[in-house]
C-alpha atoms as a PDB file:
ATOM      1  CA  MET A   1      -9.460 -25.007  56.244  1.00  0.00           C
ATOM      2  CA  GLU A   2      -9.530 -25.225  53.013  1.00  0.00           C
ATOM      3  CA  SER A   3      -6.153 -26.770  50.736  1.00  0.00           C
ATOM      4  CA  PRO A   4      -4.643 -24.062  48.569  1.00  0.00           C
ATOM      5  CA  THR A   5      -5.398 -25.907  45.663  1.00  0.00           C
ATOM      6  CA  VAL A   6      -8.873 -25.568  46.422  1.00  0.00           C
ATOM      7  CA  GLN A   7      -8.832 -21.893  46.817  1.00  0.00           C
ATOM      8  CA  LEU A   8      -7.097 -21.514  43.230  1.00  0.00           C
ATOM      9  CA  LEU A   9      -9.627 -22.922  42.315  1.00  0.00           C
ATOM     10  CA  THR A  10     -12.710 -20.819  44.034  1.00  0.00           C
ATOM     11  CA  LYS A  11     -10.710 -17.882  43.224  1.00  0.00           C
ATOM     12  CA  LEU A  12     -10.794 -19.037  39.242  1.00  0.00           C
ATOM     13  CA  GLU A  13     -14.362 -19.480  40.002  1.00  0.00           C
ATOM     14  CA  GLN A  14     -14.999 -16.454  40.771  1.00  0.00           C
ATOM     15  CA  GLN A  15     -13.126 -14.948  38.842  1.00  0.00           C
ATOM     16  CA  LEU A  16     -14.171 -17.402  35.364  1.00  0.00           C
ATOM     17  CA  HIS A  17     -17.994 -15.658  36.607  1.00  0.00           C
ATOM     18  CA  ALA A  18     -16.324 -12.313  36.411  1.00  0.00           C
ATOM     19  CA  LEU A  19     -14.840 -12.401  32.626  1.00  0.00           C
ATOM     20  CA  VAL A  20     -18.608 -14.376  31.413  1.00  0.00           C
ATOM     21  CA  ASP A  21     -20.432 -11.443  33.339  1.00  0.00           C
ATOM     22  CA  ARG A  22     -17.878  -9.016  31.699  1.00  0.00           C
ATOM     23  CA  VAL A  23     -18.703 -10.355  28.573  1.00  0.00           C
ATOM     24  CA  ASN A  24     -22.351 -10.649  28.578  1.00  0.00           C
ATOM     25  CA  GLN A  25     -21.754  -7.002  28.609  1.00  0.00           C
ATOM     26  CA  LEU A  26     -19.395  -5.841  26.395  1.00  0.00           C
ATOM     27  CA  SER A  27     -22.323  -8.509  24.646  1.00  0.00           C
ATOM     28  CA  VAL A  28     -25.635  -6.499  25.122  1.00  0.00           C
ATOM     29  CA  ALA A  29     -23.192  -3.170  24.220  1.00  0.00           C
ATOM     30  CA  ASN A  30     -22.265  -4.479  21.044  1.00  0.00           C
ATOM     31  CA  GLN A  31     -25.900  -5.370  20.282  1.00  0.00           C
ATOM     32  CA  SER A  32     -27.042  -1.345  21.012  1.00  0.00           C
ATOM     33  CA  LEU A  33     -24.385   0.604  19.245  1.00  0.00           C
ATOM     34  CA  GLN A  34     -24.985  -2.892  16.368  1.00  0.00           C
ATOM     35  CA  LYS A  35     -28.317  -0.939  16.671  1.00  0.00           C
ATOM     36  CA  SER A  36     -27.221   2.780  16.853  1.00  0.00           C
ATOM     37  CA  LEU A  37     -24.654   2.325  13.569  1.00  0.00           C
ATOM     38  CA  THR A  38     -27.720   0.662  11.516  1.00  0.00           C
ATOM     39  CA  GLU A  39     -29.657   3.273  12.747  1.00  0.00           C
ATOM     40  CA  ALA A  40     -27.067   6.235  11.789  1.00  0.00           C
ATOM     41  CA  ASN A  41     -27.049   4.354   8.251  1.00  0.00           C
ATOM     42  CA  GLU A  42     -30.446   4.813   7.565  1.00  0.00           C
ATOM     43  CA  LYS A  43     -30.293   8.124   8.783  1.00  0.00           C
ATOM     44  CA  LEU A  44     -27.050   9.244   6.352  1.00  0.00           C
ATOM     45  CA  GLU A  45     -28.945   7.556   3.672  1.00  0.00           C
ATOM     46  CA  LYS A  46     -32.108   8.879   3.803  1.00  0.00           C
ATOM     47  CA  LYS A  47     -30.145  12.381   3.938  1.00  0.00           C
ATOM     48  CA  HIS A  48     -27.862  11.212   1.138  1.00  0.00           C
ATOM     49  CA  GLN A  49     -31.483  10.642  -0.787  1.00  0.00           C
ATOM     50  CA  SER A  50     -32.523  14.181   0.153  1.00  0.00           C
ATOM     51  CA  MET A  51     -29.391  15.408  -1.242  1.00  0.00           C
ATOM     52  CA  ARG A  52     -29.558  14.082  -4.652  1.00  0.00           C
ATOM     53  CA  ASN A  53     -33.738  14.828  -4.942  1.00  0.00           C
ATOM     54  CA  TRP A  54     -32.192  18.566  -4.153  1.00  0.00           C
ATOM     55  CA  GLN A  55     -29.358  18.584  -6.729  1.00  0.00           C
ATOM     56  CA  GLU A  56     -31.527  16.581  -9.271  1.00  0.00           C
ATOM     57  CA  LYS A  57     -33.841  19.801  -8.268  1.00  0.00           C
ATOM     58  CA  TYR A  58     -31.421  22.244  -8.638  1.00  0.00           C
ATOM     59  CA  ASP A  59     -29.592  21.164 -12.032  1.00  0.00           C
ATOM     60  CA  ALA A  60     -33.389  21.299 -13.457  1.00  0.00           C
ATOM     61  CA  LEU A  61     -34.063  25.147 -12.517  1.00  0.00           C
ATOM     62  CA  LYS A  62     -30.525  25.436 -14.057  1.00  0.00           C
ATOM     63  CA  ALA A  63     -31.370  24.162 -16.939  1.00  0.00           C
ATOM     64  CA  ALA A  64     -34.755  25.601 -17.265  1.00  0.00           C
ATOM     65  CA  GLN A  65     -33.035  29.764 -15.978  1.00  0.00           C
ATOM     66  CA  GLY A  66     -30.247  28.513 -19.121  1.00  0.00           C
ATOM     67  CA  ILE A  67     -32.911  28.060 -21.750  1.00  0.00           C
ATOM     68  CA  ASN A  68     -35.633  31.446 -20.502  1.00  0.00           C
ATOM     69  CA  THR A  69     -32.052  33.009 -20.740  1.00  0.00           C
ATOM     70  CA  ALA A  70     -30.051  34.712 -24.125  1.00  0.00           C
ATOM     71  CA  ASP A  71     -27.062  33.643 -23.417  1.00  0.00           C
ATOM     72  CA  THR A  72     -26.230  31.297 -26.299  1.00  0.00           C
ATOM     73  CA  THR A  73     -24.371  28.972 -24.227  1.00  0.00           C
ATOM     74  CA  ALA A  74     -26.194  28.994 -21.346  1.00  0.00           C
ATOM     75  CA  ARG A  75     -28.964  28.805 -23.102  1.00  0.00           C
ATOM     76  CA  LYS A  76     -27.220  25.252 -25.728  1.00  0.00           C
ATOM     77  CA  LYS A  77     -25.815  23.327 -22.293  1.00  0.00           C
ATOM     78  CA  ALA A  78     -29.136  23.812 -21.176  1.00  0.00           C
ATOM     79  CA  LEU A  79     -30.459  22.309 -24.365  1.00  0.00           C
ATOM     80  CA  HIS A  80     -27.746  19.266 -23.952  1.00  0.00           C
ATOM     81  CA  HIS A  81     -28.542  18.256 -20.482  1.00  0.00           C
ATOM     82  CA  ILE A  82     -32.259  17.883 -21.573  1.00  0.00           C
ATOM     83  CA  ASP A  83     -31.425  15.149 -24.883  1.00  0.00           C
ATOM     84  CA  VAL A  84     -29.351  14.010 -21.785  1.00  0.00           C
ATOM     85  CA  LEU A  85     -32.297  13.820 -19.568  1.00  0.00           C
ATOM     86  CA  ILE A  86     -34.475  12.024 -22.461  1.00  0.00           C
ATOM     87  CA  ARG A  87     -31.930   9.441 -23.636  1.00  0.00           C
ATOM     88  CA  GLU A  88     -31.731   8.250 -20.107  1.00  0.00           C
ATOM     89  CA  VAL A  89     -35.203   8.083 -20.901  1.00  0.00           C
ATOM     90  CA  ASP A  90     -35.392   6.023 -23.762  1.00  0.00           C
ATOM     91  CA  ALA A  91     -32.910   4.403 -22.706  1.00  0.00           C
ATOM     92  CA  CYS A  92     -35.107   2.710 -18.766  1.00  0.00           C
ATOM     93  CA  ILE A  93     -37.750   2.813 -21.222  1.00  0.00           C
ATOM     94  CA  THR A  94     -35.968   0.174 -24.456  1.00  0.00           C
ATOM     95  CA  GLN A  95     -35.214  -1.995 -20.976  1.00  0.00           C
ATOM     96  CA  LEU A  96     -38.497  -2.609 -19.823  1.00  0.00           C
ATOM     97  CA  GLU A  97     -39.896  -3.108 -23.531  1.00  0.00           C
ATOM     98  CA  ILE A  98     -37.077  -6.062 -23.237  1.00  0.00           C
ATOM     99  CA  LYS A  99     -38.312  -6.850 -19.942  1.00  0.00           C
ATOM    100  CA  GLU A 100     -42.355  -7.482 -21.065  1.00  0.00           C
END
């Protein structure tokens, strides 16, 4: 017959093994969730980039339509938008020239 101390130690050892197994399972699950989160973030970033591209195309189309209309307000707005884009391109060119 085992002493109460040995029984208690055996029970604690079993509980410890169960706890270690559970921690390992949770670690694997955590890694899987981290991978899923990373994939979801990558998909989200691709969708955001796609949205930005479509927004730029939409803005360009609006600007082009604004130039072709008889509406002077729309025309001025479109020309202003084009001027802003030209300034951005000039700034980029200037930065490239500075780095060289």
